[in-house]
Amino acid sequence: MRFQALPFALSLLGSASAQVAEQPTTTIQVPQCTATSHTGMGGFFDLRPDMAVVPDENTKKYAVTKDYFSKGYDYGKNFTLNICGPVVESVTNVVGVEPPLWQNVSAYYMVGGEVFSIGLV
């Protein structure tokens, strides 16, 4: 009796998995500059409002207009960065980066007066 029930159970399992595979999948289109959830549930956090911008006459009153600074207590260096964009303050003489790309540096630190990039956009 057990052996007769096993093929029947396996056939039900096979048809159930086939139906699951036939269902259309839905994916969430996540905008650029977001932090996504690693769970795969589609959760994300939009980081664009936190991006520092160069102030001008059209800049909103609450906009971030200065780069972010982080003290590297573990590294003995201070870091300057922007979120999803280049740093607001212009940087020059970036070690290891071609001059046309200096405007794209989004994070850096300084050692002995030299600028070292840790990210480009």
PDB file of N, CA and C in Angstrom:
ATOM      1  N   MET A   1       0.818  -1.184   0.000  1.00  0.00           N
ATOM      2  CA  MET A   1       0.000   0.000   0.000  1.00  0.00           C
ATOM      3  C   MET A   1       0.867   1.254   0.000  1.00  0.00           C
ATOM      4  N   ARG A   2       1.974   1.197   0.712  1.00  0.00           N
ATOM      5  CA  ARG A   2       2.844   2.352   0.773  1.00  0.00           C
ATOM      6  C   ARG A   2       3.430   2.682  -0.588  1.00  0.00           C
ATOM      7  N   PHE A   3       3.838   1.691  -1.329  1.00  0.00           N
ATOM      8  CA  PHE A   3       4.453   1.934  -2.625  1.00  0.00           C
ATOM      9  C   PHE A   3       3.454   2.495  -3.625  1.00  0.00           C
ATOM     10  N   GLN A   4       2.164   2.195  -3.490  1.00  0.00           N
ATOM     11  CA  GLN A   4       1.159   2.742  -4.391  1.00  0.00           C
ATOM     12  C   GLN A   4       0.909   4.215  -4.081  1.00  0.00           C
ATOM     13  N   ALA A   5       1.014   4.602  -2.850  1.00  0.00           N
ATOM     14  CA  ALA A   5       0.773   5.994  -2.465  1.00  0.00           C
ATOM     15  C   ALA A   5       1.944   6.889  -2.855  1.00  0.00           C
ATOM     16  N   LEU A   6       3.153   6.339  -2.889  1.00  0.00           N
ATOM     17  CA  LEU A   6       4.332   7.134  -3.207  1.00  0.00           C
ATOM     18  C   LEU A   6       4.278   7.713  -4.618  1.00  0.00           C
ATOM     19  N   PRO A   7       3.982   6.927  -5.673  1.00  0.00           N
ATOM     20  CA  PRO A   7       3.900   7.532  -7.008  1.00  0.00           C
ATOM     21  C   PRO A   7       2.803   8.592  -7.100  1.00  0.00           C
ATOM     22  N   PHE A   8       1.691   8.354  -6.420  1.00  0.00           N
ATOM     23  CA  PHE A   8       0.602   9.328  -6.442  1.00  0.00           C
ATOM     24  C   PHE A   8       1.037  10.645  -5.785  1.00  0.00           C
ATOM     25  N   ALA A   9       1.728  10.548  -4.652  1.00  0.00           N
ATOM     26  CA  ALA A   9       2.204  11.744  -3.951  1.00  0.00           C
ATOM     27  C   ALA A   9       3.238  12.483  -4.786  1.00  0.00           C
ATOM     28  N   LEU A  10       4.120  11.734  -5.431  1.00  0.00           N
ATOM     29  CA  LEU A  10       5.126  12.373  -6.278  1.00  0.00           C
ATOM     30  C   LEU A  10       4.498  13.064  -7.479  1.00  0.00           C
ATOM     31  N   SER A  11       3.445  12.480  -8.043  1.00  0.00           N
ATOM     32  CA  SER A  11       2.784  13.125  -9.182  1.00  0.00           C
ATOM     33  C   SER A  11       2.091  14.414  -8.752  1.00  0.00           C
ATOM     34  N   LEU A  12       1.508  14.428  -7.553  1.00  0.00           N
ATOM     35  CA  LEU A  12       0.891  15.660  -7.045  1.00  0.00           C
ATOM     36  C   LEU A  12       1.945  16.733  -6.814  1.00  0.00           C
ATOM     37  N   LEU A  13       3.076  16.340  -6.262  1.00  0.00           N
ATOM     38  CA  LEU A  13       4.157  17.280  -6.006  1.00  0.00           C
ATOM     39  C   LEU A  13       4.682  17.861  -7.312  1.00  0.00           C
ATOM     40  N   GLY A  14       4.818  17.031  -8.326  1.00  0.00           N
ATOM     41  CA  GLY A  14       5.295  17.492  -9.628  1.00  0.00           C
ATOM     42  C   GLY A  14       4.329  18.456 -10.281  1.00  0.00           C
ATOM     43  N   SER A  15       3.031  18.195 -10.184  1.00  0.00           N
ATOM     44  CA  SER A  15       2.061  19.107 -10.794  1.00  0.00           C
ATOM     45  C   SER A  15       1.989  20.420 -10.026  1.00  0.00           C
ATOM     46  N   ALA A  16       2.161  20.377  -8.712  1.00  0.00           N
ATOM     47  CA  ALA A  16       2.140  21.611  -7.922  1.00  0.00           C
ATOM     48  C   ALA A  16       3.333  22.487  -8.258  1.00  0.00           C
ATOM     49  N   SER A  17       4.508  21.883  -8.411  1.00  0.00           N
ATOM     50  CA  SER A  17       5.681  22.689  -8.739  1.00  0.00           C
ATOM     51  C   SER A  17       5.594  23.224 -10.158  1.00  0.00           C
ATOM     52  N   ALA A  18       4.950  22.515 -11.064  1.00  0.00           N
ATOM     53  CA  ALA A  18       4.779  23.010 -12.432  1.00  0.00           C
ATOM     54  C   ALA A  18       3.861  24.222 -12.440  1.00  0.00           C
ATOM     55  N   GLN A  19       2.823  24.209 -11.604  1.00  0.00           N
ATOM     56  CA  GLN A  19       1.923  25.351 -11.553  1.00  0.00           C
ATOM     57  C   GLN A  19       2.623  26.571 -10.968  1.00  0.00           C
ATOM     58  N   VAL A  20       3.476  26.380 -10.005  1.00  0.00           N
ATOM     59  CA  VAL A  20       4.210  27.497  -9.429  1.00  0.00           C
ATOM     60  C   VAL A  20       5.131  28.104 -10.477  1.00  0.00           C
ATOM     61  N   ALA A  21       5.776  27.281 -11.271  1.00  0.00           N
ATOM     62  CA  ALA A  21       6.699  27.771 -12.286  1.00  0.00           C
ATOM     63  C   ALA A  21       5.974  28.516 -13.398  1.00  0.00           C
ATOM     64  N   GLU A  22       4.717  28.186 -13.647  1.00  0.00           N
ATOM     65  CA  GLU A  22       3.976  28.823 -14.729  1.00  0.00           C
ATOM     66  C   GLU A  22       3.428  30.192 -14.351  1.00  0.00           C
ATOM     67  N   GLN A  23       3.377  30.509 -13.071  1.00  0.00           N
ATOM     68  CA  GLN A  23       2.850  31.799 -12.661  1.00  0.00           C
ATOM     69  C   GLN A  23       3.823  32.897 -13.070  1.00  0.00           C
ATOM     70  N   PRO A  24       3.301  33.998 -13.584  1.00  0.00           N
ATOM     71  CA  PRO A  24       4.207  35.091 -13.976  1.00  0.00           C
ATOM     72  C   PRO A  24       4.868  35.698 -12.743  1.00  0.00           C
ATOM     73  N   THR A  25       6.122  36.059 -12.895  1.00  0.00           N
ATOM     74  CA  THR A  25       6.832  36.685 -11.786  1.00  0.00           C
ATOM     75  C   THR A  25       6.673  38.196 -11.873  1.00  0.00           C
ATOM     76  N   THR A  26       6.605  38.800 -10.746  1.00  0.00           N
ATOM     77  CA  THR A  26       6.534  40.260 -10.709  1.00  0.00           C
ATOM     78  C   THR A  26       7.822  40.777 -10.103  1.00  0.00           C
ATOM     79  N   THR A  27       8.404  41.736 -10.750  1.00  0.00           N
ATOM     80  CA  THR A  27       9.612  42.359 -10.224  1.00  0.00           C
ATOM     81  C   THR A  27       9.338  43.831  -9.991  1.00  0.00           C
ATOM     82  N   ILE A  28       9.937  44.339  -8.977  1.00  0.00           N
ATOM     83  CA  ILE A  28       9.774  45.748  -8.644  1.00  0.00           C
ATOM     84  C   ILE A  28      10.915  46.514  -9.287  1.00  0.00           C
ATOM     85  N   GLN A  29      10.572  47.534 -10.042  1.00  0.00           N
ATOM     86  CA  GLN A  29      11.585  48.383 -10.662  1.00  0.00           C
ATOM     87  C   GLN A  29      12.092  49.359  -9.611  1.00  0.00           C
ATOM     88  N   VAL A  30      13.309  49.165  -9.182  1.00  0.00           N
ATOM     89  CA  VAL A  30      13.893  50.003  -8.137  1.00  0.00           C
ATOM     90  C   VAL A  30      14.593  51.181  -8.798  1.00  0.00           C
ATOM     91  N   PRO A  31      14.308  52.406  -8.370  1.00  0.00           N
ATOM     92  CA  PRO A  31      14.971  53.572  -8.961  1.00  0.00           C
ATOM     93  C   PRO A  31      16.470  53.585  -8.657  1.00  0.00           C
ATOM     94  N   GLN A  32      17.193  54.385  -9.425  1.00  0.00           N
ATOM     95  CA  GLN A  32      18.622  54.529  -9.175  1.00  0.00           C
ATOM     96  C   GLN A  32      18.845  55.134  -7.799  1.00  0.00           C
ATOM     97  N   CYS A  33      20.013  54.871  -7.261  1.00  0.00           N
ATOM     98  CA  CYS A  33      20.435  55.437  -5.984  1.00  0.00           C
ATOM     99  C   CYS A  33      19.518  55.009  -4.843  1.00  0.00           C
ATOM    100  N   THR A  34      19.373  53.704  -4.697  1.00  0.00           N
ATOM    101  CA  THR A  34      18.568  53.163  -3.617  1.00  0.00           C
ATOM    102  C   THR A  34      19.349  52.083  -2.887  1.00  0.00           C
ATOM    103  N   ALA A  35      19.042  51.907  -1.641  1.00  0.00           N
ATOM    104  CA  ALA A  35      19.569  50.790  -0.862  1.00  0.00           C
ATOM    105  C   ALA A  35      18.481  49.735  -0.850  1.00  0.00           C
ATOM    106  N   THR A  36      18.805  48.542  -1.326  1.00  0.00           N
ATOM    107  CA  THR A  36      17.792  47.498  -1.434  1.00  0.00           C
ATOM    108  C   THR A  36      17.916  46.491  -0.306  1.00  0.00           C
ATOM    109  N   SER A  37      16.813  45.844  -0.032  1.00  0.00           N
ATOM    110  CA  SER A  37      16.770  44.823   1.003  1.00  0.00           C
ATOM    111  C   SER A  37      17.398  43.539   0.477  1.00  0.00           C
ATOM    112  N   HIS A  38      18.168  42.881   1.289  1.00  0.00           N
ATOM    113  CA  HIS A  38      18.791  41.625   0.888  1.00  0.00           C
ATOM    114  C   HIS A  38      17.829  40.446   0.985  1.00  0.00           C
ATOM    115  N   THR A  39      16.637  40.653   1.516  1.00  0.00           N
ATOM    116  CA  THR A  39      15.696  39.553   1.687  1.00  0.00           C
ATOM    117  C   THR A  39      15.007  39.170   0.396  1.00  0.00           C
ATOM    118  N   GLY A  40      15.091  40.021  -0.619  1.00  0.00           N
ATOM    119  CA  GLY A  40      14.430  39.710  -1.879  1.00  0.00           C
ATOM    120  C   GLY A  40      12.949  40.027  -1.878  1.00  0.00           C
ATOM    121  N   MET A  41      12.471  40.711  -0.865  1.00  0.00           N
ATOM    122  CA  MET A  41      11.050  41.041  -0.775  1.00  0.00           C
ATOM    123  C   MET A  41      10.713  42.310  -1.548  1.00  0.00           C
ATOM    124  N   GLY A  42      11.706  42.967  -2.138  1.00  0.00           N
ATOM    125  CA  GLY A  42      11.457  44.156  -2.934  1.00  0.00           C
ATOM    126  C   GLY A  42      11.555  45.456  -2.165  1.00  0.00           C
ATOM    127  N   GLY A  43      11.921  45.399  -0.909  1.00  0.00           N
ATOM    128  CA  GLY A  43      12.031  46.617  -0.117  1.00  0.00           C
ATOM    129  C   GLY A  43      13.260  47.424  -0.501  1.00  0.00           C
ATOM    130  N   PHE A  44      13.104  48.735  -0.516  1.00  0.00           N
ATOM    131  CA  PHE A  44      14.246  49.597  -0.812  1.00  0.00           C
ATOM    132  C   PHE A  44      14.057  50.941  -0.135  1.00  0.00           C
ATOM    133  N   PHE A  45      15.159  51.673  -0.006  1.00  0.00           N
ATOM    134  CA  PHE A  45      15.141  53.005   0.583  1.00  0.00           C
ATOM    135  C   PHE A  45      15.782  53.950  -0.413  1.00  0.00           C
ATOM    136  N   ASP A  46      15.058  54.983  -0.805  1.00  0.00           N
ATOM    137  CA  ASP A  46      15.533  55.949  -1.795  1.00  0.00           C
ATOM    138  C   ASP A  46      16.527  56.908  -1.146  1.00  0.00           C
ATOM    139  N   LEU A  47      17.762  56.933  -1.663  1.00  0.00           N
ATOM    140  CA  LEU A  47      18.812  57.781  -1.100  1.00  0.00           C
ATOM    141  C   LEU A  47      18.955  59.119  -1.815  1.00  0.00           C
ATOM    142  N   ARG A  48      18.218  59.332  -2.892  1.00  0.00           N
ATOM    143  CA  ARG A  48      18.383  60.559  -3.678  1.00  0.00           C
ATOM    144  C   ARG A  48      18.170  61.841  -2.877  1.00  0.00           C
ATOM    145  N   PRO A  49      17.240  61.909  -1.927  1.00  0.00           N
ATOM    146  CA  PRO A  49      17.107  63.155  -1.155  1.00  0.00           C
ATOM    147  C   PRO A  49      18.337  63.477  -0.306  1.00  0.00           C
ATOM    148  N   ASP A  50      19.193  62.496  -0.053  1.00  0.00           N
ATOM    149  CA  ASP A  50      20.390  62.714   0.761  1.00  0.00           C
ATOM    150  C   ASP A  50      21.604  63.119  -0.059  1.00  0.00           C
ATOM    151  N   MET A  51      21.476  63.200  -1.366  1.00  0.00           N
ATOM    152  CA  MET A  51      22.601  63.554  -2.227  1.00  0.00           C
ATOM    153  C   MET A  51      22.896  65.044  -2.101  1.00  0.00           C
ATOM    154  N   ALA A  52      24.159  65.377  -1.858  1.00  0.00           N
ATOM    155  CA  ALA A  52      24.569  66.782  -1.777  1.00  0.00           C
ATOM    156  C   ALA A  52      24.639  67.369  -3.181  1.00  0.00           C
ATOM    157  N   VAL A  53      24.177  68.602  -3.325  1.00  0.00           N
ATOM    158  CA  VAL A  53      24.167  69.279  -4.626  1.00  0.00           C
ATOM    159  C   VAL A  53      24.856  70.635  -4.504  1.00  0.00           C
ATOM    160  N   VAL A  54      25.334  71.116  -5.634  1.00  0.00           N
ATOM    161  CA  VAL A  54      25.926  72.455  -5.674  1.00  0.00           C
ATOM    162  C   VAL A  54      24.784  73.461  -5.583  1.00  0.00           C
ATOM    163  N   PRO A  55      24.820  74.376  -4.618  1.00  0.00           N
ATOM    164  CA  PRO A  55      23.707  75.318  -4.467  1.00  0.00           C
ATOM    165  C   PRO A  55      23.636  76.308  -5.627  1.00  0.00           C
ATOM    166  N   ASP A  56      22.428  76.575  -6.061  1.00  0.00           N
ATOM    167  CA  ASP A  56      22.169  77.616  -7.058  1.00  0.00           C
ATOM    168  C   ASP A  56      20.806  78.233  -6.749  1.00  0.00           C
ATOM    169  N   GLU A  57      20.292  79.071  -7.643  1.00  0.00           N
ATOM    170  CA  GLU A  57      19.023  79.757  -7.358  1.00  0.00           C
ATOM    171  C   GLU A  57      17.828  78.806  -7.350  1.00  0.00           C
ATOM    172  N   ASN A  58      17.955  77.614  -7.955  1.00  0.00           N
ATOM    173  CA  ASN A  58      16.853  76.648  -7.991  1.00  0.00           C
ATOM    174  C   ASN A  58      16.941  75.595  -6.889  1.00  0.00           C
ATOM    175  N   THR A  59      17.975  75.660  -6.067  1.00  0.00           N
ATOM    176  CA  THR A  59      18.153  74.671  -5.009  1.00  0.00           C
ATOM    177  C   THR A  59      17.090  74.862  -3.937  1.00  0.00           C
ATOM    178  N   LYS A  60      16.462  73.759  -3.558  1.00  0.00           N
ATOM    179  CA  LYS A  60      15.440  73.823  -2.517  1.00  0.00           C
ATOM    180  C   LYS A  60      16.084  74.170  -1.175  1.00  0.00           C
ATOM    181  N   LYS A  61      15.301  74.799  -0.321  1.00  0.00           N
ATOM    182  CA  LYS A  61      15.805  75.291   0.957  1.00  0.00           C
ATOM    183  C   LYS A  61      16.338  74.163   1.843  1.00  0.00           C
ATOM    184  N   TYR A  62      15.723  72.999   1.776  1.00  0.00           N
ATOM    185  CA  TYR A  62      16.118  71.889   2.640  1.00  0.00           C
ATOM    186  C   TYR A  62      17.141  70.952   1.991  1.00  0.00           C
ATOM    187  N   ALA A  63      17.627  71.279   0.811  1.00  0.00           N
ATOM    188  CA  ALA A  63      18.578  70.406   0.113  1.00  0.00           C
ATOM    189  C   ALA A  63      19.937  70.384   0.812  1.00  0.00           C
ATOM    190  N   VAL A  64      20.603  69.248   0.729  1.00  0.00           N
ATOM    191  CA  VAL A  64      21.954  69.108   1.273  1.00  0.00           C
ATOM    192  C   VAL A  64      22.910  69.762   0.293  1.00  0.00           C
ATOM    193  N   THR A  65      23.720  70.714   0.763  1.00  0.00           N
ATOM    194  CA  THR A  65      24.620  71.446  -0.135  1.00  0.00           C
ATOM    195  C   THR A  65      26.092  71.280   0.240  1.00  0.00           C
ATOM    196  N   LYS A  66      26.392  70.430   1.196  1.00  0.00           N
ATOM    197  CA  LYS A  66      27.781  70.188   1.595  1.00  0.00           C
ATOM    198  C   LYS A  66      28.049  68.691   1.581  1.00  0.00           C
ATOM    199  N   ASP A  67      29.306  68.350   1.320  1.00  0.00           N
ATOM    200  CA  ASP A  67      29.709  66.949   1.329  1.00  0.00           C
ATOM    201  C   ASP A  67      29.572  66.361   2.727  1.00  0.00           C
ATOM    202  N   TYR A  68      29.519  65.047   2.774  1.00  0.00           N
ATOM    203  CA  TYR A  68      29.481  64.334   4.048  1.00  0.00           C
ATOM    204  C   TYR A  68      30.915  64.040   4.487  1.00  0.00           C
ATOM    205  N   PHE A  69      31.159  64.169   5.772  1.00  0.00           N
ATOM    206  CA  PHE A  69      32.482  63.900   6.325  1.00  0.00           C
ATOM    207  C   PHE A  69      32.358  62.787   7.355  1.00  0.00           C
ATOM    208  N   SER A  70      33.299  61.875   7.302  1.00  0.00           N
ATOM    209  CA  SER A  70      33.303  60.756   8.238  1.00  0.00           C
ATOM    210  C   SER A  70      34.689  60.620   8.843  1.00  0.00           C
ATOM    211  N   LYS A  71      34.735  60.558  10.148  1.00  0.00           N
ATOM    212  CA  LYS A  71      36.023  60.362  10.821  1.00  0.00           C
ATOM    213  C   LYS A  71      36.338  58.875  10.811  1.00  0.00           C
ATOM    214  N   GLY A  72      37.478  58.548  10.260  1.00  0.00           N
ATOM    215  CA  GLY A  72      37.905  57.155  10.221  1.00  0.00           C
ATOM    216  C   GLY A  72      38.696  56.802  11.455  1.00  0.00           C
ATOM    217  N   TYR A  73      38.014  56.598  12.555  1.00  0.00           N
ATOM    218  CA  TYR A  73      38.692  56.310  13.817  1.00  0.00           C
ATOM    219  C   TYR A  73      39.583  55.078  13.705  1.00  0.00           C
ATOM    220  N   ASP A  74      39.131  54.072  12.973  1.00  0.00           N
ATOM    221  CA  ASP A  74      39.912  52.839  12.832  1.00  0.00           C
ATOM    222  C   ASP A  74      41.074  53.002  11.864  1.00  0.00           C
ATOM    223  N   TYR A  75      40.980  53.965  10.957  1.00  0.00           N
ATOM    224  CA  TYR A  75      41.984  54.118   9.910  1.00  0.00           C
ATOM    225  C   TYR A  75      42.937  55.283  10.144  1.00  0.00           C
ATOM    226  N   GLY A  76      42.567  56.203  11.007  1.00  0.00           N
ATOM    227  CA  GLY A  76      43.403  57.374  11.219  1.00  0.00           C
ATOM    228  C   GLY A  76      43.293  58.392  10.102  1.00  0.00           C
ATOM    229  N   LYS A  77      42.291  58.268   9.263  1.00  0.00           N
ATOM    230  CA  LYS A  77      42.059  59.194   8.146  1.00  0.00           C
ATOM    231  C   LYS A  77      40.610  59.667   8.209  1.00  0.00           C
ATOM    232  N   ASN A  78      40.355  60.852   7.678  1.00  0.00           N
ATOM    233  CA  ASN A  78      38.997  61.360   7.550  1.00  0.00           C
ATOM    234  C   ASN A  78      38.555  61.210   6.105  1.00  0.00           C
ATOM    235  N   PHE A  79      37.306  60.854   5.910  1.00  0.00           N
ATOM    236  CA  PHE A  79      36.770  60.609   4.583  1.00  0.00           C
ATOM    237  C   PHE A  79      35.772  61.688   4.205  1.00  0.00           C
ATOM    238  N   THR A  80      35.788  62.084   2.942  1.00  0.00           N
ATOM    239  CA  THR A  80      34.815  63.015   2.385  1.00  0.00           C
ATOM    240  C   THR A  80      34.049  62.250   1.318  1.00  0.00           C
ATOM    241  N   LEU A  81      32.725  62.329   1.355  1.00  0.00           N
ATOM    242  CA  LEU A  81      31.941  61.581   0.379  1.00  0.00           C
ATOM    243  C   LEU A  81      30.619  62.255   0.088  1.00  0.00           C
ATOM    244  N   ASN A  82      30.038  61.843  -1.008  1.00  0.00           N
ATOM    245  CA  ASN A  82      28.692  62.240  -1.379  1.00  0.00           C
ATOM    246  C   ASN A  82      27.934  60.960  -1.674  1.00  0.00           C
ATOM    247  N   ILE A  83      26.637  61.042  -1.667  1.00  0.00           N
ATOM    248  CA  ILE A  83      25.796  59.886  -1.934  1.00  0.00           C
ATOM    249  C   ILE A  83      25.266  59.992  -3.351  1.00  0.00           C
ATOM    250  N   CYS A  84      25.588  59.014  -4.168  1.00  0.00           N
ATOM    251  CA  CYS A  84      25.073  58.906  -5.539  1.00  0.00           C
ATOM    252  C   CYS A  84      25.460  60.065  -6.443  1.00  0.00           C
ATOM    253  N   GLY A  85      26.554  60.708  -6.173  1.00  0.00           N
ATOM    254  CA  GLY A  85      27.009  61.802  -7.015  1.00  0.00           C
ATOM    255  C   GLY A  85      28.423  62.202  -6.638  1.00  0.00           C
ATOM    256  N   PRO A  86      29.050  63.028  -7.471  1.00  0.00           N
ATOM    257  CA  PRO A  86      30.403  63.484  -7.139  1.00  0.00           C
ATOM    258  C   PRO A  86      30.375  64.428  -5.942  1.00  0.00           C
ATOM    259  N   VAL A  87      31.520  64.553  -5.273  1.00  0.00           N
ATOM    260  CA  VAL A  87      31.594  65.469  -4.139  1.00  0.00           C
ATOM    261  C   VAL A  87      31.341  66.894  -4.624  1.00  0.00           C
ATOM    262  N   VAL A  88      30.785  67.716  -3.751  1.00  0.00           N
ATOM    263  CA  VAL A  88      30.435  69.091  -4.115  1.00  0.00           C
ATOM    264  C   VAL A  88      31.692  69.941  -4.265  1.00  0.00           C
ATOM    265  N   GLU A  89      32.604  69.833  -3.298  1.00  0.00           N
ATOM    266  CA  GLU A  89      33.867  70.573  -3.402  1.00  0.00           C
ATOM    267  C   GLU A  89      34.725  69.910  -4.472  1.00  0.00           C
ATOM    268  N   SER A  90      35.287  70.718  -5.357  1.00  0.00           N
ATOM    269  CA  SER A  90      36.110  70.136  -6.418  1.00  0.00           C
ATOM    270  C   SER A  90      37.424  69.621  -5.839  1.00  0.00           C
ATOM    271  N   VAL A  91      37.890  68.507  -6.377  1.00  0.00           N
ATOM    272  CA  VAL A  91      39.163  67.929  -5.961  1.00  0.00           C
ATOM    273  C   VAL A  91      40.097  67.888  -7.162  1.00  0.00           C
ATOM    274  N   THR A  92      41.383  68.064  -6.900  1.00  0.00           N
ATOM    275  CA  THR A  92      42.391  68.017  -7.957  1.00  0.00           C
ATOM    276  C   THR A  92      43.536  67.122  -7.506  1.00  0.00           C
ATOM    277  N   ASN A  93      44.360  66.768  -8.456  1.00  0.00           N
ATOM    278  CA  ASN A  93      45.544  65.940  -8.187  1.00  0.00           C
ATOM    279  C   ASN A  93      45.192  64.653  -7.445  1.00  0.00           C
ATOM    280  N   VAL A  94      44.163  63.965  -7.920  1.00  0.00           N
ATOM    281  CA  VAL A  94      43.739  62.716  -7.300  1.00  0.00           C
ATOM    282  C   VAL A  94      44.682  61.605  -7.757  1.00  0.00           C
ATOM    283  N   VAL A  95      45.310  60.940  -6.808  1.00  0.00           N
ATOM    284  CA  VAL A  95      46.291  59.897  -7.109  1.00  0.00           C
ATOM    285  C   VAL A  95      45.608  58.731  -7.828  1.00  0.00           C
ATOM    286  N   GLY A  96      46.155  58.355  -8.984  1.00  0.00           N
ATOM    287  CA  GLY A  96      45.654  57.198  -9.717  1.00  0.00           C
ATOM    288  C   GLY A  96      44.421  57.445 -10.561  1.00  0.00           C
ATOM    289  N   VAL A  97      43.952  58.683 -10.642  1.00  0.00           N
ATOM    290  CA  VAL A  97      42.758  59.006 -11.431  1.00  0.00           C
ATOM    291  C   VAL A  97      43.153  60.021 -12.490  1.00  0.00           C
ATOM    292  N   GLU A  98      42.731  59.774 -13.726  1.00  0.00           N
ATOM    293  CA  GLU A  98      43.030  60.689 -14.826  1.00  0.00           C
ATOM    294  C   GLU A  98      42.348  62.038 -14.584  1.00  0.00           C
ATOM    295  N   PRO A  99      42.992  63.156 -14.953  1.00  0.00           N
ATOM    296  CA  PRO A  99      42.415  64.493 -14.713  1.00  0.00           C
ATOM    297  C   PRO A  99      40.980  64.689 -15.217  1.00  0.00           C
ATOM    298  N   PRO A 100      40.580  64.155 -16.379  1.00  0.00           N
ATOM    299  CA  PRO A 100      39.180  64.360 -16.782  1.00  0.00           C
ATOM    300  C   PRO A 100      38.168  63.697 -15.841  1.00  0.00           C
ATOM    301  N   LEU A 101      38.611  62.724 -15.052  1.00  0.00           N
ATOM    302  CA  LEU A 101      37.704  62.017 -14.148  1.00  0.00           C
ATOM    303  C   LEU A 101      37.679  62.594 -12.735  1.00  0.00           C
ATOM    304  N   TRP A 102      38.496  63.601 -12.456  1.00  0.00           N
ATOM    305  CA  TRP A 102      38.508  64.196 -11.122  1.00  0.00           C
ATOM    306  C   TRP A 102      37.138  64.725 -10.735  1.00  0.00           C
ATOM    307  N   GLN A 103      36.391  65.224 -11.701  1.00  0.00           N
ATOM    308  CA  GLN A 103      35.060  65.773 -11.409  1.00  0.00           C
ATOM    309  C   GLN A 103      34.057  64.684 -11.025  1.00  0.00           C
ATOM    310  N   ASN A 104      34.398  63.408 -11.239  1.00  0.00           N
ATOM    311  CA  ASN A 104      33.499  62.300 -10.922  1.00  0.00           C
ATOM    312  C   ASN A 104      33.806  61.623  -9.591  1.00  0.00           C
ATOM    313  N   VAL A 105      34.802  62.113  -8.873  1.00  0.00           N
ATOM    314  CA  VAL A 105      35.166  61.502  -7.589  1.00  0.00           C
ATOM    315  C   VAL A 105      34.019  61.704  -6.605  1.00  0.00           C
ATOM    316  N   SER A 106      33.526  60.593  -6.048  1.00  0.00           N
ATOM    317  CA  SER A 106      32.399  60.685  -5.118  1.00  0.00           C
ATOM    318  C   SER A 106      32.804  60.430  -3.671  1.00  0.00           C
ATOM    319  N   ALA A 107      34.034  59.961  -3.453  1.00  0.00           N
ATOM    320  CA  ALA A 107      34.531  59.743  -2.095  1.00  0.00           C
ATOM    321  C   ALA A 107      36.052  59.732  -2.134  1.00  0.00           C
ATOM    322  N   TYR A 108      36.663  60.320  -1.099  1.00  0.00           N
ATOM    323  CA  TYR A 108      38.122  60.353  -1.058  1.00  0.00           C
ATOM    324  C   TYR A 108      38.609  60.557   0.369  1.00  0.00           C
ATOM    325  N   TYR A 109      39.909  60.325   0.538  1.00  0.00           N
ATOM    326  CA  TYR A 109      40.584  60.677   1.787  1.00  0.00           C
ATOM    327  C   TYR A 109      41.934  61.274   1.432  1.00  0.00           C
ATOM    328  N   MET A 110      42.534  61.975   2.374  1.00  0.00           N
ATOM    329  CA  MET A 110      43.814  62.646   2.135  1.00  0.00           C
ATOM    330  C   MET A 110      44.874  62.106   3.088  1.00  0.00           C
ATOM    331  N   VAL A 111      46.082  61.953   2.539  1.00  0.00           N
ATOM    332  CA  VAL A 111      47.242  61.543   3.330  1.00  0.00           C
ATOM    333  C   VAL A 111      48.411  62.386   2.872  1.00  0.00           C
ATOM    334  N   GLY A 112      49.016  63.121   3.774  1.00  0.00           N
ATOM    335  CA  GLY A 112      50.181  63.931   3.435  1.00  0.00           C
ATOM    336  C   GLY A 112      49.928  64.914   2.311  1.00  0.00           C
ATOM    337  N   GLY A 113      48.737  65.473   2.246  1.00  0.00           N
ATOM    338  CA  GLY A 113      48.398  66.440   1.206  1.00  0.00           C
ATOM    339  C   GLY A 113      47.990  65.815  -0.118  1.00  0.00           C
ATOM    340  N   GLU A 114      48.040  64.484  -0.234  1.00  0.00           N
ATOM    341  CA  GLU A 114      47.620  63.813  -1.464  1.00  0.00           C
ATOM    342  C   GLU A 114      46.193  63.306  -1.311  1.00  0.00           C
ATOM    343  N   VAL A 115      45.442  63.362  -2.413  1.00  0.00           N
ATOM    344  CA  VAL A 115      44.047  62.936  -2.423  1.00  0.00           C
ATOM    345  C   VAL A 115      43.970  61.539  -3.030  1.00  0.00           C
ATOM    346  N   PHE A 116      43.318  60.607  -2.324  1.00  0.00           N
ATOM    347  CA  PHE A 116      43.133  59.239  -2.795  1.00  0.00           C
ATOM    348  C   PHE A 116      41.638  58.967  -2.944  1.00  0.00           C
ATOM    349  N   SER A 117      41.222  58.643  -4.154  1.00  0.00           N
ATOM    350  CA  SER A 117      39.814  58.371  -4.424  1.00  0.00           C
ATOM    351  C   SER A 117      39.440  56.981  -3.931  1.00  0.00           C
ATOM    352  N   ILE A 118      38.254  56.875  -3.343  1.00  0.00           N
ATOM    353  CA  ILE A 118      37.720  55.563  -2.974  1.00  0.00           C
ATOM    354  C   ILE A 118      36.391  55.312  -3.668  1.00  0.00           C
ATOM    355  N   GLY A 119      36.050  56.174  -4.646  1.00  0.00           N
ATOM    356  CA  GLY A 119      34.824  55.953  -5.397  1.00  0.00           C
ATOM    357  C   GLY A 119      34.611  56.990  -6.474  1.00  0.00           C
ATOM    358  N   LEU A 120      34.107  56.527  -7.616  1.00  0.00           N
ATOM    359  CA  LEU A 120      33.765  57.400  -8.746  1.00  0.00           C
ATOM    360  C   LEU A 120      32.330  57.137  -9.155  1.00  0.00           C
ATOM    361  N   VAL A 121      31.698  58.155  -9.729  1.00  0.00           N
ATOM    362  CA  VAL A 121      30.363  57.952 -10.301  1.00  0.00           C
ATOM    363  C   VAL A 121      30.446  58.079 -11.795  1.00  0.00           C
TER     364      VAL A 121
END
